[in-house]
Amino acid sequence: MLTHVLKLYGIGTAAAFVAVAAVGFGAGHKYKSRVASWVGTIAVSLSVSIFIQFISIPFGPMLASHDIEEAKKYCEYLVPRLNDHKLKTGSYPTDVNEVIPWWKPRPRLLENRFYLSDGQDFEFDFPDPRGFTFNIFIYHRERMEWELIED
């Protein structure tokens, strides 16, 4: 919904600048006015930059969805390693770095703290980058599924 509103706002704004550009160029040509020509040039520049910004809006949610899936897969990759650690030592590690291979880089959404363990249980969580509020994804070990907690 918000994306559609922003697109319409962007198209309307760009259209207004195009109209100003047309008037500026027309007046500049008819009356040989440098000011009107400059106004037209500035309006064209602004309308092109606004148009370029607003055509990129659909790519944000696609990138966010990719980042979310990448973070989930990374966490799910760690689950068998954490379970193996518990079988060997009797508890889950309190520091996830004990089971992360050095060659496997963390996804962008997992740069901060994303693993919590008291030794008996563990949890993954990371923020949802798609919203304006603070929503988080939480992995439930018992059910082996993700849940989106909305604020």
Foldseek 3Di string as FASTA:
>chain_A
DVLVVLLVVLVVLLVVLCVLLVQLVVCCVVVVDPVSNVSNVVSNVVSVVSVVVSVCVVVVVVVLVVLVVLQLVVVVVCVVQQVVVCVVPVFGDQDSVVRDDPPDDHGPQVPDPFWGGPRHDIKGKGFRPPDPFTWMWIADPVVRDIDIRGD
